Amino acid sequence: VLLQAGMQSEFEKQFKKAAAESDA
């Protein structure tokens, strides 16, 4: 949804957080 809305900076923050938590 963040990408579809064009919110790249928020996508980056959330993706980094999620990738750090799951390591996948």
mmCIF file of all heavy atoms, coordinates in Angstrom:
data_MODEL
# 
_entry.id   MODEL 
# 
loop_
_atom_site.group_PDB 
_atom_site.id 
_atom_site.type_symbol 
_atom_site.label_atom_id 
_atom_site.label_alt_id 
_atom_site.label_comp_id 
_atom_site.label_asym_id 
_atom_site.label_entity_id 
_atom_site.label_seq_id 
_atom_site.pdbx_PDB_ins_code 
_atom_site.Cartn_x 
_atom_site.Cartn_y 
_atom_site.Cartn_z 
_atom_site.occupancy 
_atom_site.B_iso_or_equiv 
_atom_site.pdbx_formal_charge 
_atom_site.auth_seq_id 
_atom_site.auth_comp_id 
_atom_site.auth_asym_id 
_atom_site.auth_atom_id 
_atom_site.pdbx_PDB_model_num 
ATOM 1   N N   . VAL A 1 1  ? 0.839  -1.209  0.000  1.00 0.00 ? 1  VAL A N   1 
ATOM 2   C CA  . VAL A 1 1  ? 0.000  0.000   0.000  1.00 0.00 ? 1  VAL A CA  1 
ATOM 3   C C   . VAL A 1 1  ? 0.870  1.254   0.000  1.00 0.00 ? 1  VAL A C   1 
ATOM 4   O O   . VAL A 1 1  ? 0.582  2.219   -0.710 1.00 0.00 ? 1  VAL A O   1 
ATOM 5   C CB  . VAL A 1 1  ? -0.980 -0.008  1.202  1.00 0.00 ? 1  VAL A CB  1 
ATOM 6   C CG1 . VAL A 1 1  ? -1.629 1.338   1.393  1.00 0.00 ? 1  VAL A CG1 1 
ATOM 7   C CG2 . VAL A 1 1  ? -2.022 -1.090  1.017  1.00 0.00 ? 1  VAL A CG2 1 
ATOM 8   N N   . LEU A 1 2  ? 1.947  1.234   0.774  1.00 0.00 ? 2  LEU A N   1 
ATOM 9   C CA  . LEU A 1 2  ? 2.854  2.391   0.806  1.00 0.00 ? 2  LEU A CA  1 
ATOM 10  C C   . LEU A 1 2  ? 3.469  2.647   -0.571 1.00 0.00 ? 2  LEU A C   1 
ATOM 11  O O   . LEU A 1 2  ? 3.560  3.794   -1.012 1.00 0.00 ? 2  LEU A O   1 
ATOM 12  C CB  . LEU A 1 2  ? 3.957  2.177   1.843  1.00 0.00 ? 2  LEU A CB  1 
ATOM 13  C CG  . LEU A 1 2  ? 3.524  2.239   3.305  1.00 0.00 ? 2  LEU A CG  1 
ATOM 14  C CD1 . LEU A 1 2  ? 4.676  1.828   4.211  1.00 0.00 ? 2  LEU A CD1 1 
ATOM 15  C CD2 . LEU A 1 2  ? 3.034  3.625   3.657  1.00 0.00 ? 2  LEU A CD2 1 
ATOM 16  N N   . LEU A 1 3  ? 3.884  1.582   -1.252 1.00 0.00 ? 3  LEU A N   1 
ATOM 17  C CA  . LEU A 1 3  ? 4.454  1.757   -2.592 1.00 0.00 ? 3  LEU A CA  1 
ATOM 18  C C   . LEU A 1 3  ? 3.407  2.246   -3.584 1.00 0.00 ? 3  LEU A C   1 
ATOM 19  O O   . LEU A 1 3  ? 3.682  3.108   -4.406 1.00 0.00 ? 3  LEU A O   1 
ATOM 20  C CB  . LEU A 1 3  ? 5.050  0.442   -3.093 1.00 0.00 ? 3  LEU A CB  1 
ATOM 21  C CG  . LEU A 1 3  ? 6.465  0.146   -2.678 1.00 0.00 ? 3  LEU A CG  1 
ATOM 22  C CD1 . LEU A 1 3  ? 6.920  -1.176  -3.280 1.00 0.00 ? 3  LEU A CD1 1 
ATOM 23  C CD2 . LEU A 1 3  ? 7.404  1.247   -3.090 1.00 0.00 ? 3  LEU A CD2 1 
ATOM 24  N N   . GLN A 1 4  ? 2.209  1.698   -3.512 1.00 0.00 ? 4  GLN A N   1 
ATOM 25  C CA  . GLN A 1 4  ? 1.147  2.114   -4.425 1.00 0.00 ? 4  GLN A CA  1 
ATOM 26  C C   . GLN A 1 4  ? 0.772  3.569   -4.211 1.00 0.00 ? 4  GLN A C   1 
ATOM 27  O O   . GLN A 1 4  ? 0.379  4.253   -5.148 1.00 0.00 ? 4  GLN A O   1 
ATOM 28  C CB  . GLN A 1 4  ? -0.074 1.213   -4.256 1.00 0.00 ? 4  GLN A CB  1 
ATOM 29  C CG  . GLN A 1 4  ? 0.150  -0.179  -4.796 1.00 0.00 ? 4  GLN A CG  1 
ATOM 30  C CD  . GLN A 1 4  ? -0.968 -1.132  -4.447 1.00 0.00 ? 4  GLN A CD  1 
ATOM 31  O OE1 . GLN A 1 4  ? -1.648 -0.970  -3.443 1.00 0.00 ? 4  GLN A OE1 1 
ATOM 32  N NE2 . GLN A 1 4  ? -1.152 -2.147  -5.273 1.00 0.00 ? 4  GLN A NE2 1 
ATOM 33  N N   . ALA A 1 5  ? 0.939  4.043   -2.998 1.00 0.00 ? 5  ALA A N   1 
ATOM 34  C CA  . ALA A 1 5  ? 0.622  5.440   -2.695 1.00 0.00 ? 5  ALA A CA  1 
ATOM 35  C C   . ALA A 1 5  ? 1.789  6.381   -3.004 1.00 0.00 ? 5  ALA A C   1 
ATOM 36  O O   . ALA A 1 5  ? 1.651  7.591   -2.897 1.00 0.00 ? 5  ALA A O   1 
ATOM 37  C CB  . ALA A 1 5  ? 0.226  5.575   -1.226 1.00 0.00 ? 5  ALA A CB  1 
ATOM 38  N N   . GLY A 1 6  ? 2.940  5.820   -3.376 1.00 0.00 ? 6  GLY A N   1 
ATOM 39  C CA  . GLY A 1 6  ? 4.100  6.643   -3.711 1.00 0.00 ? 6  GLY A CA  1 
ATOM 40  C C   . GLY A 1 6  ? 4.870  7.140   -2.508 1.00 0.00 ? 6  GLY A C   1 
ATOM 41  O O   . GLY A 1 6  ? 5.605  8.117   -2.594 1.00 0.00 ? 6  GLY A O   1 
ATOM 42  N N   . MET A 1 7  ? 4.745  6.471   -1.381 1.00 0.00 ? 7  MET A N   1 
ATOM 43  C CA  . MET A 1 7  ? 5.410  6.880   -0.146 1.00 0.00 ? 7  MET A CA  1 
ATOM 44  C C   . MET A 1 7  ? 6.701  6.072   0.051  1.00 0.00 ? 7  MET A C   1 
ATOM 45  O O   . MET A 1 7  ? 6.809  5.222   0.919  1.00 0.00 ? 7  MET A O   1 
ATOM 46  C CB  . MET A 1 7  ? 4.455  6.695   1.031  1.00 0.00 ? 7  MET A CB  1 
ATOM 47  C CG  . MET A 1 7  ? 3.181  7.495   0.882  1.00 0.00 ? 7  MET A CG  1 
ATOM 48  S SD  . MET A 1 7  ? 1.979  7.141   2.175  1.00 0.00 ? 7  MET A SD  1 
ATOM 49  C CE  . MET A 1 7  ? 2.794  7.851   3.587  1.00 0.00 ? 7  MET A CE  1 
ATOM 50  N N   . GLN A 1 8  ? 7.715  6.382   -0.783 1.00 0.00 ? 8  GLN A N   1 
ATOM 51  C CA  . GLN A 1 8  ? 8.947  5.614   -0.770 1.00 0.00 ? 8  GLN A CA  1 
ATOM 52  C C   . GLN A 1 8  ? 9.724  5.727   0.534  1.00 0.00 ? 8  GLN A C   1 
ATOM 53  O O   . GLN A 1 8  ? 10.308 4.751   0.992  1.00 0.00 ? 8  GLN A O   1 
ATOM 54  C CB  . GLN A 1 8  ? 9.853  6.038   -1.933 1.00 0.00 ? 8  GLN A CB  1 
ATOM 55  C CG  . GLN A 1 8  ? 9.501  5.386   -3.241 1.00 0.00 ? 8  GLN A CG  1 
ATOM 56  C CD  . GLN A 1 8  ? 8.436  6.161   -4.003 1.00 0.00 ? 8  GLN A CD  1 
ATOM 57  O OE1 . GLN A 1 8  ? 8.027  7.235   -3.611 1.00 0.00 ? 8  GLN A OE1 1 
ATOM 58  N NE2 . GLN A 1 8  ? 7.971  5.599   -5.094 1.00 0.00 ? 8  GLN A NE2 1 
ATOM 59  N N   . SER A 1 9  ? 9.762  6.905   1.141  1.00 0.00 ? 9  SER A N   1 
ATOM 60  C CA  . SER A 1 9  ? 10.548 7.045   2.375  1.00 0.00 ? 9  SER A CA  1 
ATOM 61  C C   . SER A 1 9  ? 9.931  6.239   3.518  1.00 0.00 ? 9  SER A C   1 
ATOM 62  O O   . SER A 1 9  ? 10.647 5.603   4.290  1.00 0.00 ? 9  SER A O   1 
ATOM 63  C CB  . SER A 1 9  ? 10.693 8.515   2.763  1.00 0.00 ? 9  SER A CB  1 
ATOM 64  O OG  . SER A 1 9  ? 9.428  9.096   2.978  1.00 0.00 ? 9  SER A OG  1 
ATOM 65  N N   . GLU A 1 10 ? 8.626  6.229   3.611  1.00 0.00 ? 10 GLU A N   1 
ATOM 66  C CA  . GLU A 1 10 ? 7.961  5.425   4.647  1.00 0.00 ? 10 GLU A CA  1 
ATOM 67  C C   . GLU A 1 10 ? 8.110  3.937   4.333  1.00 0.00 ? 10 GLU A C   1 
ATOM 68  O O   . GLU A 1 10 ? 8.286  3.123   5.237  1.00 0.00 ? 10 GLU A O   1 
ATOM 69  C CB  . GLU A 1 10 ? 6.481  5.811   4.746  1.00 0.00 ? 10 GLU A CB  1 
ATOM 70  C CG  . GLU A 1 10 ? 5.759  5.173   5.897  1.00 0.00 ? 10 GLU A CG  1 
ATOM 71  C CD  . GLU A 1 10 ? 6.307  5.570   7.270  1.00 0.00 ? 10 GLU A CD  1 
ATOM 72  O OE1 . GLU A 1 10 ? 6.828  6.687   7.423  1.00 0.00 ? 10 GLU A OE1 1 
ATOM 73  O OE2 . GLU A 1 10 ? 6.195  4.746   8.193  1.00 0.00 ? 10 GLU A OE2 1 
ATOM 74  N N   . PHE A 1 11 ? 8.050  3.575   3.048  1.00 0.00 ? 11 PHE A N   1 
ATOM 75  C CA  . PHE A 1 11 ? 8.278  2.189   2.640  1.00 0.00 ? 11 PHE A CA  1 
ATOM 76  C C   . PHE A 1 11 ? 9.672  1.742   3.080  1.00 0.00 ? 11 PHE A C   1 
ATOM 77  O O   . PHE A 1 11 ? 9.839  0.652   3.618  1.00 0.00 ? 11 PHE A O   1 
ATOM 78  C CB  . PHE A 1 11 ? 8.138  2.038   1.119  1.00 0.00 ? 11 PHE A CB  1 
ATOM 79  C CG  . PHE A 1 11 ? 8.574  0.694   0.611  1.00 0.00 ? 11 PHE A CG  1 
ATOM 80  C CD1 . PHE A 1 11 ? 7.740  -0.406  0.723  1.00 0.00 ? 11 PHE A CD1 1 
ATOM 81  C CD2 . PHE A 1 11 ? 9.825  0.518   0.050  1.00 0.00 ? 11 PHE A CD2 1 
ATOM 82  C CE1 . PHE A 1 11 ? 8.154  -1.655  0.274  1.00 0.00 ? 11 PHE A CE1 1 
ATOM 83  C CE2 . PHE A 1 11 ? 10.246 -0.714  -0.401 1.00 0.00 ? 11 PHE A CE2 1 
ATOM 84  C CZ  . PHE A 1 11 ? 9.396  -1.808  -0.293 1.00 0.00 ? 11 PHE A CZ  1 
ATOM 85  N N   . GLU A 1 12 ? 10.674 2.599   2.855  1.00 0.00 ? 12 GLU A N   1 
ATOM 86  C CA  . GLU A 1 12 ? 12.051 2.270   3.236  1.00 0.00 ? 12 GLU A CA  1 
ATOM 87  C C   . GLU A 1 12 ? 12.152 2.015   4.737  1.00 0.00 ? 12 GLU A C   1 
ATOM 88  O O   . GLU A 1 12 ? 12.737 1.011   5.169  1.00 0.00 ? 12 GLU A O   1 
ATOM 89  C CB  . GLU A 1 12 ? 12.993 3.404   2.828  1.00 0.00 ? 12 GLU A CB  1 
ATOM 90  C CG  . GLU A 1 12 ? 14.423 3.165   3.219  1.00 0.00 ? 12 GLU A CG  1 
ATOM 91  C CD  . GLU A 1 12 ? 15.351 4.300   2.813  1.00 0.00 ? 12 GLU A CD  1 
ATOM 92  O OE1 . GLU A 1 12 ? 14.971 5.139   1.982  1.00 0.00 ? 12 GLU A OE1 1 
ATOM 93  O OE2 . GLU A 1 12 ? 16.468 4.335   3.351  1.00 0.00 ? 12 GLU A OE2 1 
ATOM 94  N N   . LYS A 1 13 ? 11.581 2.891   5.545  1.00 0.00 ? 13 LYS A N   1 
ATOM 95  C CA  . LYS A 1 13 ? 11.634 2.727   7.008  1.00 0.00 ? 13 LYS A CA  1 
ATOM 96  C C   . LYS A 1 13 ? 10.984 1.425   7.439  1.00 0.00 ? 13 LYS A C   1 
ATOM 97  O O   . LYS A 1 13 ? 11.547 0.656   8.234  1.00 0.00 ? 13 LYS A O   1 
ATOM 98  C CB  . LYS A 1 13 ? 10.923 3.885   7.697  1.00 0.00 ? 13 LYS A CB  1 
ATOM 99  C CG  . LYS A 1 13 ? 11.630 5.198   7.612  1.00 0.00 ? 13 LYS A CG  1 
ATOM 100 C CD  . LYS A 1 13 ? 10.786 6.261   8.291  1.00 0.00 ? 13 LYS A CD  1 
ATOM 101 C CE  . LYS A 1 13 ? 11.194 7.647   7.875  1.00 0.00 ? 13 LYS A CE  1 
ATOM 102 N NZ  . LYS A 1 13 ? 10.276 8.671   8.399  1.00 0.00 ? 13 LYS A NZ  1 
ATOM 103 N N   . GLN A 1 14 ? 9.778  1.177   6.925  1.00 0.00 ? 14 GLN A N   1 
ATOM 104 C CA  . GLN A 1 14 ? 9.038  -0.014  7.329  1.00 0.00 ? 14 GLN A CA  1 
ATOM 105 C C   . GLN A 1 14 ? 9.702  -1.296  6.823  1.00 0.00 ? 14 GLN A C   1 
ATOM 106 O O   . GLN A 1 14 ? 9.721  -2.310  7.523  1.00 0.00 ? 14 GLN A O   1 
ATOM 107 C CB  . GLN A 1 14 ? 7.594  0.072   6.817  1.00 0.00 ? 14 GLN A CB  1 
ATOM 108 C CG  . GLN A 1 14 ? 6.784  1.187   7.438  1.00 0.00 ? 14 GLN A CG  1 
ATOM 109 C CD  . GLN A 1 14 ? 6.615  1.013   8.937  1.00 0.00 ? 14 GLN A CD  1 
ATOM 110 O OE1 . GLN A 1 14 ? 6.469  -0.090  9.439  1.00 0.00 ? 14 GLN A OE1 1 
ATOM 111 N NE2 . GLN A 1 14 ? 6.653  2.126   9.652  1.00 0.00 ? 14 GLN A NE2 1 
ATOM 112 N N   . PHE A 1 15 ? 10.257 -1.262  5.605  1.00 0.00 ? 15 PHE A N   1 
ATOM 113 C CA  . PHE A 1 15 ? 10.917 -2.451  5.064  1.00 0.00 ? 15 PHE A CA  1 
ATOM 114 C C   . PHE A 1 15 ? 12.165 -2.778  5.869  1.00 0.00 ? 15 PHE A C   1 
ATOM 115 O O   . PHE A 1 15 ? 12.416 -3.948  6.182  1.00 0.00 ? 15 PHE A O   1 
ATOM 116 C CB  . PHE A 1 15 ? 11.275 -2.252  3.589  1.00 0.00 ? 15 PHE A CB  1 
ATOM 117 C CG  . PHE A 1 15 ? 11.669 -3.532  2.896  1.00 0.00 ? 15 PHE A CG  1 
ATOM 118 C CD1 . PHE A 1 15 ? 10.733 -4.263  2.203  1.00 0.00 ? 15 PHE A CD1 1 
ATOM 119 C CD2 . PHE A 1 15 ? 12.972 -4.012  2.965  1.00 0.00 ? 15 PHE A CD2 1 
ATOM 120 C CE1 . PHE A 1 15 ? 11.080 -5.453  1.575  1.00 0.00 ? 15 PHE A CE1 1 
ATOM 121 C CE2 . PHE A 1 15 ? 13.331 -5.186  2.348  1.00 0.00 ? 15 PHE A CE2 1 
ATOM 122 C CZ  . PHE A 1 15 ? 12.387 -5.910  1.649  1.00 0.00 ? 15 PHE A CZ  1 
ATOM 123 N N   . LYS A 1 16 ? 12.948 -1.767  6.194  1.00 0.00 ? 16 LYS A N   1 
ATOM 124 C CA  . LYS A 1 16 ? 14.153 -1.995  7.006  1.00 0.00 ? 16 LYS A CA  1 
ATOM 125 C C   . LYS A 1 16 ? 13.793 -2.602  8.357  1.00 0.00 ? 16 LYS A C   1 
ATOM 126 O O   . LYS A 1 16 ? 14.449 -3.531  8.826  1.00 0.00 ? 16 LYS A O   1 
ATOM 127 C CB  . LYS A 1 16 ? 14.914 -0.686  7.211  1.00 0.00 ? 16 LYS A CB  1 
ATOM 128 C CG  . LYS A 1 16 ? 15.713 -0.243  6.019  1.00 0.00 ? 16 LYS A CG  1 
ATOM 129 C CD  . LYS A 1 16 ? 16.456 1.038   6.330  1.00 0.00 ? 16 LYS A CD  1 
ATOM 130 C CE  . LYS A 1 16 ? 17.310 1.493   5.176  1.00 0.00 ? 16 LYS A CE  1 
ATOM 131 N NZ  . LYS A 1 16 ? 18.048 2.732   5.472  1.00 0.00 ? 16 LYS A NZ  1 
ATOM 132 N N   . LYS A 1 17 ? 12.756 -2.064  8.975  1.00 0.00 ? 17 LYS A N   1 
ATOM 133 C CA  . LYS A 1 17 ? 12.320 -2.572  10.278 1.00 0.00 ? 17 LYS A CA  1 
ATOM 134 C C   . LYS A 1 17 ? 11.866 -4.027  10.166 1.00 0.00 ? 17 LYS A C   1 
ATOM 135 O O   . LYS A 1 17 ? 12.255 -4.876  10.961 1.00 0.00 ? 17 LYS A O   1 
ATOM 136 C CB  . LYS A 1 17 ? 11.194 -1.689  10.816 1.00 0.00 ? 17 LYS A CB  1 
ATOM 137 C CG  . LYS A 1 17 ? 10.671 -2.113  12.155 1.00 0.00 ? 17 LYS A CG  1 
ATOM 138 C CD  . LYS A 1 17 ? 9.563  -1.187  12.611 1.00 0.00 ? 17 LYS A CD  1 
ATOM 139 C CE  . LYS A 1 17 ? 8.953  -1.690  13.907 1.00 0.00 ? 17 LYS A CE  1 
ATOM 140 N NZ  . LYS A 1 17 ? 7.787  -0.915  14.298 1.00 0.00 ? 17 LYS A NZ  1 
ATOM 141 N N   . ALA A 1 18 ? 11.054 -4.313  9.156  1.00 0.00 ? 18 ALA A N   1 
ATOM 142 C CA  . ALA A 1 18 ? 10.533 -5.670  8.973  1.00 0.00 ? 18 ALA A CA  1 
ATOM 143 C C   . ALA A 1 18 ? 11.643 -6.653  8.610  1.00 0.00 ? 18 ALA A C   1 
ATOM 144 O O   . ALA A 1 18 ? 11.658 -7.783  9.097  1.00 0.00 ? 18 ALA A O   1 
ATOM 145 C CB  . ALA A 1 18 ? 9.465  -5.666  7.884  1.00 0.00 ? 18 ALA A CB  1 
ATOM 146 N N   . ALA A 1 19 ? 12.582 -6.228  7.776  1.00 0.00 ? 19 ALA A N   1 
ATOM 147 C CA  . ALA A 1 19 ? 13.688 -7.108  7.388  1.00 0.00 ? 19 ALA A CA  1 
ATOM 148 C C   . ALA A 1 19 ? 14.597 -7.400  8.575  1.00 0.00 ? 19 ALA A C   1 
ATOM 149 O O   . ALA A 1 19 ? 15.118 -8.501  8.707  1.00 0.00 ? 19 ALA A O   1 
ATOM 150 C CB  . ALA A 1 19 ? 14.483 -6.474  6.250  1.00 0.00 ? 19 ALA A CB  1 
ATOM 151 N N   . ALA A 1 20 ? 14.784 -6.417  9.444  1.00 0.00 ? 20 ALA A N   1 
ATOM 152 C CA  . ALA A 1 20 ? 15.616 -6.628  10.629 1.00 0.00 ? 20 ALA A CA  1 
ATOM 153 C C   . ALA A 1 20 ? 14.949 -7.593  11.605 1.00 0.00 ? 20 ALA A C   1 
ATOM 154 O O   . ALA A 1 20 ? 15.621 -8.413  12.229 1.00 0.00 ? 20 ALA A O   1 
ATOM 155 C CB  . ALA A 1 20 ? 15.898 -5.298  11.319 1.00 0.00 ? 20 ALA A CB  1 
ATOM 156 N N   . GLU A 1 21 ? 13.635 -7.505  11.723 1.00 0.00 ? 21 GLU A N   1 
ATOM 157 C CA  . GLU A 1 21 ? 12.911 -8.382  12.651 1.00 0.00 ? 21 GLU A CA  1 
ATOM 158 C C   . GLU A 1 21 ? 12.863 -9.821  12.152 1.00 0.00 ? 21 GLU A C   1 
ATOM 159 O O   . GLU A 1 21 ? 13.006 -10.751 12.928 1.00 0.00 ? 21 GLU A O   1 
ATOM 160 C CB  . GLU A 1 21 ? 11.487 -7.866  12.853 1.00 0.00 ? 21 GLU A CB  1 
ATOM 161 C CG  . GLU A 1 21 ? 11.403 -6.591  13.652 1.00 0.00 ? 21 GLU A CG  1 
ATOM 162 C CD  . GLU A 1 21 ? 10.006 -6.022  13.718 1.00 0.00 ? 21 GLU A CD  1 
ATOM 163 O OE1 . GLU A 1 21 ? 9.072  -6.632  13.145 1.00 0.00 ? 21 GLU A OE1 1 
ATOM 164 O OE2 . GLU A 1 21 ? 9.842  -4.956  14.334 1.00 0.00 ? 21 GLU A OE2 1 
ATOM 165 N N   . SER A 1 22 ? 12.651 -10.015 10.856 1.00 0.00 ? 22 SER A N   1 
ATOM 166 C CA  . SER A 1 22 ? 12.462 -11.370 10.346 1.00 0.00 ? 22 SER A CA  1 
ATOM 167 C C   . SER A 1 22 ? 13.719 -11.957 9.720  1.00 0.00 ? 22 SER A C   1 
ATOM 168 O O   . SER A 1 22 ? 13.811 -13.158 9.543  1.00 0.00 ? 22 SER A O   1 
ATOM 169 C CB  . SER A 1 22 ? 11.346 -11.387 9.302  1.00 0.00 ? 22 SER A CB  1 
ATOM 170 O OG  . SER A 1 22 ? 11.735 -10.681 8.146  1.00 0.00 ? 22 SER A OG  1 
ATOM 171 N N   . ASP A 1 23 ? 14.680 -11.117 9.339  1.00 0.00 ? 23 ASP A N   1 
ATOM 172 C CA  . ASP A 1 23 ? 15.926 -11.541 8.703  1.00 0.00 ? 23 ASP A CA  1 
ATOM 173 C C   . ASP A 1 23 ? 15.654 -12.344 7.429  1.00 0.00 ? 23 ASP A C   1 
ATOM 174 O O   . ASP A 1 23 ? 16.361 -13.287 7.105  1.00 0.00 ? 23 ASP A O   1 
ATOM 175 C CB  . ASP A 1 23 ? 16.790 -12.344 9.677  1.00 0.00 ? 23 ASP A CB  1 
ATOM 176 C CG  . ASP A 1 23 ? 18.239 -12.429 9.208  1.00 0.00 ? 23 ASP A CG  1 
ATOM 177 O OD1 . ASP A 1 23 ? 18.711 -11.470 8.577  1.00 0.00 ? 23 ASP A OD1 1 
ATOM 178 O OD2 . ASP A 1 23 ? 18.878 -13.470 9.459  1.00 0.00 ? 23 ASP A OD2 1 
ATOM 179 N N   . ALA A 1 24 ? 14.598 -11.985 6.715  1.00 0.00 ? 24 ALA A N   1 
ATOM 180 C CA  . ALA A 1 24 ? 14.245 -12.656 5.463  1.00 0.00 ? 24 ALA A CA  1 
ATOM 181 C C   . ALA A 1 24 ? 13.761 -11.617 4.458  1.00 0.00 ? 24 ALA A C   1 
ATOM 182 O O   . ALA A 1 24 ? 12.595 -11.590 4.083  1.00 0.00 ? 24 ALA A O   1 
ATOM 183 C CB  . ALA A 1 24 ? 13.174 -13.700 5.716  1.00 0.00 ? 24 ALA A CB  1 
# 
